[in-house]
């Protein structure tokens, strides 16, 4: 594969870390897992033995802060490995090829486990552990279809912080009924507990695993695109448009960057969406965006309270120059903060197709 359209610093050469040290394959894999975010990374890590999870944790914790140029290089190397085959598809073969581009053939085979698909590795965690670690929205959808007493029993087995998050996503009337029934949850004897666990495995966890296994390649690529610099992103997307135009279009619909704010965030949601963003980060992101002519700047300022917007404009004028590196890092951090709110259900994105229409 040629490196046309991909920045020279991001092509397949040894990727340097701090102080001239070259990243090891396991460290590159840890960088990728950190970049794609906890939800998708968790789906992968759940398939690993505890010793392998520890290796990833050690690899990531030993890196410290990752420079943007290092992140760009690792992600582009990974994306090249992902898209260099004749097609992009799911399944173990694709996962093996995808991982091999980062950690090598031998390590990919070992991590995935040389086992046939019909003999999956047994998950050592209990049913209740896995239920607690499932996405909150999925748990809420499952409980909403159950009788309130059954929902109360299941809710009583969740960790308090998980149960509270689930209750917030349930219909208010149903949630109130469930809370009232929590005071009458019986102590489950062993046979009843086993039946309940079997039902959870059959009706919820198995279906959840199936849905997660169908995650689209565009989701993975878009998650990585959200974390790299505009130059590296533009180069890779241009390359992808030539090689896989349909996939490139899907990725662009899925990814979320600073410039996507006007198309994806409702005007009345802007103030809330920025609530968790440090003011210095916000100002740097806006200052860099204004210099680059991004329409997101006027959209954000136009949907904030007038006095606050005026103060931000004055402080941006007084800031002086913001380097591209600082500005892009701030924009990535800002976009991540907004994405986190969509993940928790506090914010809902506008579909890009709808926004365009």
Foldseek 3Di string as FASTA:
>chain_A
DDLFLADPLQDPDFQAAPPRHGQALLLLVLLLLVLLDDPLSVLLCQQFDPVSVVSSVVSPVVRPDGAQSSLLNSLVQLVCQLQVDLDHDFDLVSQLSSSCSRNNNVVSCVGNDPDDPVDGDDRPDALLVVLQVDQLLLLLVVLQPDDLLLSLLNLVSHDVVSSVLNLVNHDVVSSVSNVVNNVVNDDDDDVVVVVNSVCCVVPRVVVSSVVSSRDDPLSSSLSSLLRHAPSNSSSVLVVCCVNPVVSSVSNVQNHDFLLCCVLWADLLCLVVLQVPQPPVLVLLQLLVCVVVVRPSNCSNLVSDPVVVSVVSVVVSVVVPDDDSSSNRVSRSVSRVSSVVCVSSVVGGIDRNVVSVD
